[in-house]
Each structure stands twice: as C-alpha cells, then as structure tokens.
C-alpha cells in the first residue's frame, strides 16, 4: 500500500499528489491530510476514479484509505 503524506499542503496539491500516485496502478493507497478541504477534495477525486474511500481521524489529521 502506497502512502501519500500531503499534510501541510493546501489544495490542489493533495489532489495532484494523489493523482500522481494513482498512476502507479496499485489497488490501495493511504493519503494523510490535515484539513477538511483536502479531505473532501481527495475523497471526491478518488471516488470519481473508482476507489472506495474510508476516512479515519488521527488527532488533527485525517487518514484516507483508498481501495479498488
């Protein structure tokens, strides 16, 4: 499972990093973000790419798991 650490980045950078990672074609990814806007945008993007998205809060961070 590939991990994308996009904490500290403002949109659209978390989505761009996620898009670049998805190009590797793996079945599962973990994306770490630290704000609600990035969580929503990455989730929406991943859903449109055919991934199932689950979100877990870890303190002030959000951990998104993307799975095909």
C-alpha atoms as a PDB file:
ATOM      1  CA  UNK A   1       0.000   0.000   0.000  1.00  0.00           C
ATOM      2  CA  UNK A   2       1.494   3.299  -1.122  1.00  0.00           C
ATOM      3  CA  UNK A   3       1.355   6.231   1.337  1.00  0.00           C
ATOM      4  CA  UNK A   4       0.945   9.856   0.295  1.00  0.00           C
ATOM      5  CA  UNK A   5       1.727  12.407   3.003  1.00  0.00           C
ATOM      6  CA  UNK A   6       0.011  15.635   1.974  1.00  0.00           C
ATOM      7  CA  UNK A   7      -0.139  17.186   5.436  1.00  0.00           C
ATOM      8  CA  UNK A   8       0.707  20.870   5.487  1.00  0.00           C
ATOM      9  CA  UNK A   9      -0.266  21.324   1.838  1.00  0.00           C
ATOM     10  CA  UNK A  10      -3.189  23.383   0.587  1.00  0.00           C
ATOM     11  CA  UNK A  11      -5.397  22.384  -2.317  1.00  0.00           C
ATOM     12  CA  UNK A  12      -4.972  21.481  -5.044  1.00  0.00           C
ATOM     13  CA  UNK A  13      -1.585  19.971  -4.097  1.00  0.00           C
ATOM     14  CA  UNK A  14      -3.002  16.991  -2.090  1.00  0.00           C
ATOM     15  CA  UNK A  15      -5.225  16.064  -5.066  1.00  0.00           C
ATOM     16  CA  UNK A  16      -2.316  16.411  -7.509  1.00  0.00           C
ATOM     17  CA  UNK A  17      -0.095  14.193  -5.356  1.00  0.00           C
ATOM     18  CA  UNK A  18      -2.882  11.630  -5.071  1.00  0.00           C
ATOM     19  CA  UNK A  19      -3.468  11.713  -8.832  1.00  0.00           C
ATOM     20  CA  UNK A  20       0.243  11.152  -9.495  1.00  0.00           C
ATOM     21  CA  UNK A  21       0.331   8.235  -7.040  1.00  0.00           C
ATOM     22  CA  UNK A  22      -2.753   6.596  -8.583  1.00  0.00           C
ATOM     23  CA  UNK A  23      -0.880   6.473 -11.887  1.00  0.00           C
ATOM     24  CA  UNK A  24       1.207   3.626 -10.414  1.00  0.00           C
ATOM     25  CA  UNK A  25      -1.860   1.404 -10.691  1.00  0.00           C
ATOM     26  CA  UNK A  26      -1.810  -0.095  -7.201  1.00  0.00           C
ATOM     27  CA  UNK A  27      -5.044  -1.338  -5.634  1.00  0.00           C
ATOM     28  CA  UNK A  28      -4.755   0.537  -2.305  1.00  0.00           C
ATOM     29  CA  UNK A  29      -3.351   3.811  -1.018  1.00  0.00           C
ATOM     30  CA  UNK A  30      -3.176   5.749   2.218  1.00  0.00           C
ATOM     31  CA  UNK A  31      -3.420   9.531   1.980  1.00  0.00           C
ATOM     32  CA  UNK A  32      -2.682  11.722   5.004  1.00  0.00           C
ATOM     33  CA  UNK A  33      -4.073  15.271   5.074  1.00  0.00           C
ATOM     34  CA  UNK A  34      -4.540  17.811   7.830  1.00  0.00           C
ATOM     35  CA  UNK A  35      -7.543  19.876   6.786  1.00  0.00           C
ATOM     36  CA  UNK A  36     -11.192  19.295   5.916  1.00  0.00           C
ATOM     37  CA  UNK A  37     -10.956  20.840   2.436  1.00  0.00           C
ATOM     38  CA  UNK A  38      -8.162  18.484   1.390  1.00  0.00           C
ATOM     39  CA  UNK A  39     -10.049  15.530   2.901  1.00  0.00           C
ATOM     40  CA  UNK A  40     -13.164  16.365   0.872  1.00  0.00           C
ATOM     41  CA  UNK A  41     -11.306  17.084  -2.379  1.00  0.00           C
ATOM     42  CA  UNK A  42      -9.127  13.955  -2.250  1.00  0.00           C
ATOM     43  CA  UNK A  43     -12.148  11.829  -1.322  1.00  0.00           C
ATOM     44  CA  UNK A  44     -14.199  13.221  -4.212  1.00  0.00           C
ATOM     45  CA  UNK A  45     -11.338  12.706  -6.674  1.00  0.00           C
ATOM     46  CA  UNK A  46     -10.724   9.120  -5.549  1.00  0.00           C
ATOM     47  CA  UNK A  47     -14.419   8.245  -5.779  1.00  0.00           C
ATOM     48  CA  UNK A  48     -14.508   9.547  -9.348  1.00  0.00           C
ATOM     49  CA  UNK A  49     -11.508   7.319 -10.119  1.00  0.00           C
ATOM     50  CA  UNK A  50     -13.408   4.244  -8.912  1.00  0.00           C
ATOM     51  CA  UNK A  51     -11.882   3.888  -5.443  1.00  0.00           C
ATOM     52  CA  UNK A  52     -13.741   3.224  -2.206  1.00  0.00           C
ATOM     53  CA  UNK A  53     -12.761   5.767   0.422  1.00  0.00           C
ATOM     54  CA  UNK A  54     -12.705   5.384   4.194  1.00  0.00           C
ATOM     55  CA  UNK A  55     -11.648   8.203   6.499  1.00  0.00           C
ATOM     56  CA  UNK A  56     -10.177   7.966   9.982  1.00  0.00           C
ATOM     57  CA  UNK A  57      -9.368  10.931  12.202  1.00  0.00           C
ATOM     58  CA  UNK A  58      -5.998  10.841  13.937  1.00  0.00           C
ATOM     59  CA  UNK A  59      -5.787  13.869  16.197  1.00  0.00           C
ATOM     60  CA  UNK A  60      -5.879  16.849  13.850  1.00  0.00           C
ATOM     61  CA  UNK A  61      -5.023  14.715  10.811  1.00  0.00           C
ATOM     62  CA  UNK A  62      -7.233  12.660   8.518  1.00  0.00           C
ATOM     63  CA  UNK A  63      -6.099   9.301   7.167  1.00  0.00           C
ATOM     64  CA  UNK A  64      -7.874   8.299   3.976  1.00  0.00           C
ATOM     65  CA  UNK A  65      -7.711   4.734   2.747  1.00  0.00           C
ATOM     66  CA  UNK A  66      -8.409   4.327  -0.965  1.00  0.00           C
ATOM     67  CA  UNK A  67      -9.163   0.820  -2.226  1.00  0.00           C
ATOM     68  CA  UNK A  68     -10.302  -0.582  -5.568  1.00  0.00           C
END
